[in-house]
Amino acid sequence: MSNHDVHNSLPPKTCSIERLVTMPADVKKVIEGKKTATRRNGRYADVGEIRILEGKKFRVDRVYSQSLGELTNEHAHQEGYDTVEEYKESILSYHPGMPWLPHMRVWVHEFSPVNE
């Protein structure tokens, strides 16, 4: 699988949507509109699911698999960082000892605010 929708072949979720965005700095970025995606080692949400952060609703728009080697600066911007290197440093600071392997696959969860 590459950077595209795989609606018909998504495996079961490995965690709940409540765990999708939990770090206070990341929550702040989502609320401010600076973070529109989260990459996780498992699948935490289905397309269409809603996550509420600080009283604001966000809908999961896309879920797909991506390798770390496929990351571009545009992907880093989705995560709220200027460059892939900044994003990488942040992730590795949260997970000491974790290797950053280009072939390692993650699940991308893209989301947007629900305007009611």
N, C-alpha and C. Protein backbone atom coordinates (compact mmCIF):
# COMPACT_ATOMS: atom_id res chain seq x y z
N MET A 1 0.84 -1.18 0.00
CA MET A 1 0.00 0.00 0.00
C MET A 1 0.88 1.24 0.00
N SER A 2 0.42 2.24 -0.72
CA SER A 2 1.16 3.48 -0.71
C SER A 2 0.25 4.60 -0.25
N ASN A 3 0.62 5.80 -0.54
CA ASN A 3 -0.08 6.97 -0.05
C ASN A 3 -1.40 7.18 -0.80
N HIS A 4 -2.37 6.33 -0.53
CA HIS A 4 -3.69 6.47 -1.14
C HIS A 4 -4.74 5.84 -0.23
N ASP A 5 -6.00 6.10 -0.56
CA ASP A 5 -7.08 5.55 0.24
C ASP A 5 -7.16 4.05 0.05
N VAL A 6 -7.43 3.34 1.11
CA VAL A 6 -7.57 1.89 1.07
C VAL A 6 -8.83 1.50 1.83
N HIS A 7 -9.92 2.22 1.55
CA HIS A 7 -11.17 2.02 2.30
C HIS A 7 -11.61 0.57 2.33
N ASN A 8 -11.42 -0.16 1.26
CA ASN A 8 -11.95 -1.52 1.19
C ASN A 8 -11.04 -2.55 1.84
N SER A 9 -9.84 -2.16 2.22
CA SER A 9 -8.92 -3.15 2.76
C SER A 9 -8.29 -2.73 4.09
N LEU A 10 -8.99 -1.91 4.84
CA LEU A 10 -8.45 -1.48 6.12
C LEU A 10 -8.54 -2.62 7.12
N PRO A 11 -7.45 -2.86 7.85
CA PRO A 11 -7.50 -3.89 8.90
C PRO A 11 -8.28 -3.36 10.10
N PRO A 12 -8.58 -4.23 11.04
CA PRO A 12 -9.28 -3.76 12.26
C PRO A 12 -8.45 -2.70 12.99
N LYS A 13 -9.15 -1.82 13.69
CA LYS A 13 -8.46 -0.81 14.49
C LYS A 13 -7.65 -1.50 15.59
N THR A 14 -6.51 -0.89 15.93
CA THR A 14 -5.67 -1.42 17.00
C THR A 14 -5.83 -0.62 18.29
N CYS A 15 -6.53 0.51 18.21
CA CYS A 15 -6.72 1.37 19.36
C CYS A 15 -7.96 2.21 19.10
N SER A 16 -8.41 2.96 20.09
CA SER A 16 -9.61 3.78 19.91
C SER A 16 -9.24 5.19 19.47
N ILE A 17 -10.19 5.86 18.87
CA ILE A 17 -9.98 7.22 18.38
C ILE A 17 -9.59 8.17 19.52
N GLU A 18 -9.99 7.86 20.74
CA GLU A 18 -9.64 8.73 21.88
C GLU A 18 -8.14 8.84 22.08
N ARG A 19 -7.37 7.87 21.57
CA ARG A 19 -5.91 7.88 21.71
C ARG A 19 -5.22 8.50 20.49
N LEU A 20 -6.00 8.96 19.51
CA LEU A 20 -5.41 9.47 18.27
C LEU A 20 -4.54 10.70 18.49
N VAL A 21 -5.04 11.68 19.21
CA VAL A 21 -4.29 12.90 19.52
C VAL A 21 -4.42 13.12 21.01
N THR A 22 -3.31 12.99 21.75
CA THR A 22 -3.37 13.10 23.21
C THR A 22 -2.37 14.08 23.80
N MET A 23 -1.25 14.30 23.14
CA MET A 23 -0.23 15.20 23.69
C MET A 23 -0.77 16.62 23.70
N PRO A 24 -0.66 17.34 24.83
CA PRO A 24 -1.20 18.70 24.91
C PRO A 24 -0.73 19.62 23.77
N ALA A 25 0.53 19.54 23.40
CA ALA A 25 1.04 20.40 22.32
C ALA A 25 0.36 20.06 21.00
N ASP A 26 0.09 18.77 20.77
CA ASP A 26 -0.58 18.35 19.54
C ASP A 26 -2.04 18.77 19.55
N VAL A 27 -2.70 18.64 20.70
CA VAL A 27 -4.10 19.07 20.82
C VAL A 27 -4.20 20.55 20.47
N LYS A 28 -3.27 21.34 20.99
CA LYS A 28 -3.26 22.79 20.72
C LYS A 28 -3.10 23.04 19.22
N LYS A 29 -2.20 22.31 18.57
CA LYS A 29 -2.00 22.48 17.13
C LYS A 29 -3.26 22.12 16.34
N VAL A 30 -3.96 21.08 16.76
CA VAL A 30 -5.20 20.70 16.08
C VAL A 30 -6.23 21.81 16.23
N ILE A 31 -6.43 22.30 17.46
CA ILE A 31 -7.40 23.35 17.73
C ILE A 31 -7.09 24.60 16.90
N GLU A 32 -5.79 24.91 16.76
CA GLU A 32 -5.37 26.10 16.01
C GLU A 32 -5.37 25.89 14.51
N GLY A 33 -5.65 24.67 14.06
CA GLY A 33 -5.66 24.38 12.62
C GLY A 33 -4.28 24.14 12.03
N LYS A 34 -3.27 23.98 12.88
CA LYS A 34 -1.90 23.77 12.40
C LYS A 34 -1.56 22.30 12.21
N LYS A 35 -2.39 21.41 12.74
CA LYS A 35 -2.17 19.96 12.63
C LYS A 35 -3.44 19.35 12.05
N THR A 36 -3.32 18.71 10.90
CA THR A 36 -4.49 18.14 10.23
C THR A 36 -4.32 16.64 9.97
N ALA A 37 -3.27 16.06 10.53
CA ALA A 37 -3.04 14.62 10.38
C ALA A 37 -2.20 14.11 11.53
N THR A 38 -2.37 12.83 11.81
CA THR A 38 -1.56 12.15 12.81
C THR A 38 -1.15 10.80 12.25
N ARG A 39 0.13 10.48 12.42
CA ARG A 39 0.66 9.19 11.99
C ARG A 39 0.87 8.34 13.24
N ARG A 40 0.38 7.11 13.16
CA ARG A 40 0.49 6.18 14.29
C ARG A 40 0.95 4.83 13.78
N ASN A 41 1.49 4.03 14.70
CA ASN A 41 1.96 2.70 14.30
C ASN A 41 0.81 1.71 14.15
N GLY A 42 -0.37 2.11 14.54
CA GLY A 42 -1.57 1.29 14.38
C GLY A 42 -2.69 2.14 13.83
N ARG A 43 -3.80 1.49 13.53
CA ARG A 43 -4.97 2.21 13.02
C ARG A 43 -5.88 2.53 14.19
N TYR A 44 -6.12 3.84 14.41
CA TYR A 44 -6.85 4.30 15.58
C TYR A 44 -8.26 4.78 15.26
N ALA A 45 -8.60 4.95 13.99
CA ALA A 45 -9.91 5.50 13.65
C ALA A 45 -10.36 5.03 12.28
N ASP A 46 -11.66 5.09 12.09
CA ASP A 46 -12.28 4.82 10.80
C ASP A 46 -12.62 6.15 10.14
N VAL A 47 -12.69 6.16 8.83
CA VAL A 47 -13.12 7.34 8.10
C VAL A 47 -14.54 7.68 8.57
N GLY A 48 -14.75 8.96 8.87
CA GLY A 48 -16.06 9.42 9.33
C GLY A 48 -16.19 9.51 10.84
N GLU A 49 -15.29 8.88 11.58
CA GLU A 49 -15.35 8.96 13.04
C GLU A 49 -15.07 10.38 13.49
N ILE A 50 -15.65 10.74 14.62
CA ILE A 50 -15.49 12.08 15.18
C ILE A 50 -14.67 12.02 16.46
N ARG A 51 -13.72 12.95 16.59
CA ARG A 51 -12.93 13.10 17.81
C ARG A 51 -13.22 14.49 18.34
N ILE A 52 -13.53 14.59 19.61
CA ILE A 52 -13.80 15.89 20.23
C ILE A 52 -12.59 16.29 21.06
N LEU A 53 -12.06 17.46 20.77
CA LEU A 53 -10.92 18.02 21.50
C LEU A 53 -11.32 19.40 22.00
N GLU A 54 -11.27 19.59 23.31
CA GLU A 54 -11.61 20.87 23.92
C GLU A 54 -12.95 21.39 23.41
N GLY A 55 -13.93 20.49 23.29
CA GLY A 55 -15.27 20.87 22.88
C GLY A 55 -15.47 21.06 21.39
N LYS A 56 -14.40 20.91 20.60
CA LYS A 56 -14.50 21.07 19.15
C LYS A 56 -14.45 19.69 18.49
N LYS A 57 -15.28 19.52 17.45
CA LYS A 57 -15.36 18.24 16.76
C LYS A 57 -14.47 18.22 15.53
N PHE A 58 -13.80 17.06 15.34
CA PHE A 58 -12.96 16.84 14.17
C PHE A 58 -13.33 15.49 13.57
N ARG A 59 -13.52 15.47 12.24
CA ARG A 59 -13.91 14.25 11.53
C ARG A 59 -12.68 13.66 10.82
N VAL A 60 -12.53 12.35 10.92
CA VAL A 60 -11.47 11.65 10.20
C VAL A 60 -11.90 11.55 8.74
N ASP A 61 -11.09 12.12 7.85
CA ASP A 61 -11.42 12.18 6.43
C ASP A 61 -10.75 11.08 5.61
N ARG A 62 -9.56 10.71 6.00
CA ARG A 62 -8.81 9.68 5.26
C ARG A 62 -7.98 8.87 6.24
N VAL A 63 -7.81 7.59 5.94
CA VAL A 63 -6.94 6.70 6.71
C VAL A 63 -6.21 5.84 5.68
N TYR A 64 -4.87 5.88 5.73
CA TYR A 64 -4.10 5.09 4.78
C TYR A 64 -2.71 4.79 5.35
N SER A 65 -2.06 3.83 4.75
CA SER A 65 -0.73 3.41 5.17
C SER A 65 0.32 4.18 4.37
N GLN A 66 1.44 4.46 5.04
CA GLN A 66 2.52 5.20 4.41
C GLN A 66 3.83 4.78 5.05
N SER A 67 4.90 4.72 4.27
CA SER A 67 6.21 4.42 4.86
C SER A 67 6.86 5.73 5.30
N LEU A 68 7.71 5.65 6.32
CA LEU A 68 8.40 6.85 6.78
C LEU A 68 9.26 7.45 5.68
N GLY A 69 9.77 6.60 4.79
CA GLY A 69 10.58 7.08 3.67
C GLY A 69 9.80 7.89 2.66
N GLU A 70 8.48 7.79 2.67
CA GLU A 70 7.63 8.55 1.76
C GLU A 70 7.32 9.96 2.26
N LEU A 71 7.65 10.25 3.53
CA LEU A 71 7.30 11.54 4.11
C LEU A 71 7.98 12.70 3.38
N THR A 72 7.18 13.73 3.13
CA THR A 72 7.68 14.96 2.51
C THR A 72 7.47 16.11 3.50
N ASN A 73 8.00 17.27 3.16
CA ASN A 73 7.78 18.43 4.03
C ASN A 73 6.29 18.77 4.09
N GLU A 74 5.54 18.50 3.01
CA GLU A 74 4.09 18.73 3.04
C GLU A 74 3.43 17.84 4.09
N HIS A 75 3.87 16.59 4.20
CA HIS A 75 3.34 15.71 5.24
C HIS A 75 3.71 16.25 6.63
N ALA A 76 4.93 16.76 6.76
CA ALA A 76 5.34 17.35 8.04
C ALA A 76 4.45 18.54 8.40
N HIS A 77 4.05 19.33 7.40
CA HIS A 77 3.15 20.47 7.64
C HIS A 77 1.82 19.98 8.17
N GLN A 78 1.32 18.84 7.64
CA GLN A 78 0.07 18.27 8.15
C GLN A 78 0.19 17.96 9.64
N GLU A 79 1.38 17.59 10.06
CA GLU A 79 1.64 17.22 11.45
C GLU A 79 1.94 18.44 12.33
N GLY A 80 2.06 19.62 11.70
CA GLY A 80 2.32 20.84 12.45
C GLY A 80 3.79 21.21 12.55
N TYR A 81 4.62 20.67 11.65
CA TYR A 81 6.06 20.94 11.65
C TYR A 81 6.46 21.53 10.30
N ASP A 82 7.59 22.23 10.28
CA ASP A 82 8.06 22.84 9.03
C ASP A 82 8.74 21.85 8.10
N THR A 83 9.45 20.88 8.68
CA THR A 83 10.21 19.94 7.85
C THR A 83 10.06 18.51 8.38
N VAL A 84 10.40 17.56 7.52
CA VAL A 84 10.40 16.16 7.94
C VAL A 84 11.38 15.97 9.09
N GLU A 85 12.53 16.63 9.02
CA GLU A 85 13.53 16.48 10.08
C GLU A 85 12.99 16.95 11.43
N GLU A 86 12.27 18.07 11.47
CA GLU A 86 11.65 18.54 12.72
C GLU A 86 10.65 17.52 13.25
N TYR A 87 9.83 16.99 12.35
CA TYR A 87 8.84 15.98 12.74
C TYR A 87 9.54 14.74 13.29
N LYS A 88 10.56 14.30 12.59
CA LYS A 88 11.31 13.12 13.01
C LYS A 88 11.90 13.32 14.40
N GLU A 89 12.55 14.47 14.63
CA GLU A 89 13.14 14.75 15.94
C GLU A 89 12.08 14.72 17.04
N SER A 90 10.91 15.27 16.76
CA SER A 90 9.83 15.28 17.74
C SER A 90 9.38 13.86 18.07
N ILE A 91 9.14 13.06 17.06
CA ILE A 91 8.68 11.68 17.27
C ILE A 91 9.72 10.89 18.06
N LEU A 92 10.98 11.02 17.68
CA LEU A 92 12.03 10.26 18.37
C LEU A 92 12.21 10.74 19.81
N SER A 93 11.88 12.00 20.10
CA SER A 93 11.97 12.48 21.49
C SER A 93 10.86 11.86 22.34
N TYR A 94 9.71 11.54 21.73
CA TYR A 94 8.61 10.87 22.45
C TYR A 94 8.89 9.38 22.64
N HIS A 95 9.68 8.81 21.74
CA HIS A 95 9.93 7.36 21.74
C HIS A 95 11.44 7.09 21.75
N PRO A 96 12.11 7.34 22.87
CA PRO A 96 13.56 7.12 22.94
C PRO A 96 13.93 5.69 22.55
N GLY A 97 14.95 5.57 21.73
CA GLY A 97 15.43 4.25 21.33
C GLY A 97 14.72 3.70 20.10
N MET A 98 13.62 4.33 19.68
CA MET A 98 12.91 3.85 18.50
C MET A 98 13.73 4.20 17.26
N PRO A 99 13.94 3.24 16.38
CA PRO A 99 14.65 3.56 15.15
C PRO A 99 13.73 4.27 14.16
N TRP A 100 14.28 5.10 13.32
CA TRP A 100 13.53 5.74 12.23
C TRP A 100 13.96 5.03 10.96
N LEU A 101 13.17 4.10 10.52
CA LEU A 101 13.50 3.27 9.37
C LEU A 101 12.63 3.67 8.18
N PRO A 102 13.23 4.02 7.04
CA PRO A 102 12.44 4.46 5.88
C PRO A 102 11.37 3.46 5.46
N HIS A 103 11.61 2.17 5.64
CA HIS A 103 10.63 1.16 5.22
C HIS A 103 9.53 0.94 6.26
N MET A 104 9.68 1.50 7.47
CA MET A 104 8.67 1.32 8.52
C MET A 104 7.36 1.97 8.07
N ARG A 105 6.27 1.24 8.21
CA ARG A 105 4.96 1.75 7.79
C ARG A 105 4.19 2.27 9.00
N VAL A 106 3.46 3.34 8.75
CA VAL A 106 2.60 3.95 9.76
C VAL A 106 1.21 4.14 9.15
N TRP A 107 0.25 4.38 10.01
CA TRP A 107 -1.11 4.69 9.56
C TRP A 107 -1.33 6.18 9.67
N VAL A 108 -1.71 6.79 8.56
CA VAL A 108 -1.99 8.22 8.51
C VAL A 108 -3.49 8.42 8.73
N HIS A 109 -3.81 9.32 9.64
CA HIS A 109 -5.20 9.68 9.92
C HIS A 109 -5.32 11.18 9.63
N GLU A 110 -5.98 11.53 8.54
CA GLU A 110 -6.19 12.93 8.20
C GLU A 110 -7.57 13.34 8.71
N PHE A 111 -7.66 14.56 9.25
CA PHE A 111 -8.92 15.01 9.83
C PHE A 111 -9.14 16.48 9.57
N SER A 112 -10.38 16.91 9.76
CA SER A 112 -10.74 18.31 9.56
C SER A 112 -11.82 18.70 10.57
N PRO A 113 -11.93 20.00 10.86
CA PRO A 113 -12.94 20.44 11.81
C PRO A 113 -14.36 20.23 11.26
N VAL A 114 -15.27 19.93 12.15
CA VAL A 114 -16.68 19.81 11.79
C VAL A 114 -17.33 21.15 12.11
N ASN A 115 -17.79 21.82 11.09
CA ASN A 115 -18.44 23.12 11.30
C ASN A 115 -19.94 22.92 11.36
N GLU A 116 -20.46 23.12 12.56
CA GLU A 116 -21.91 22.90 12.76
C GLU A 116 -22.66 24.20 12.83
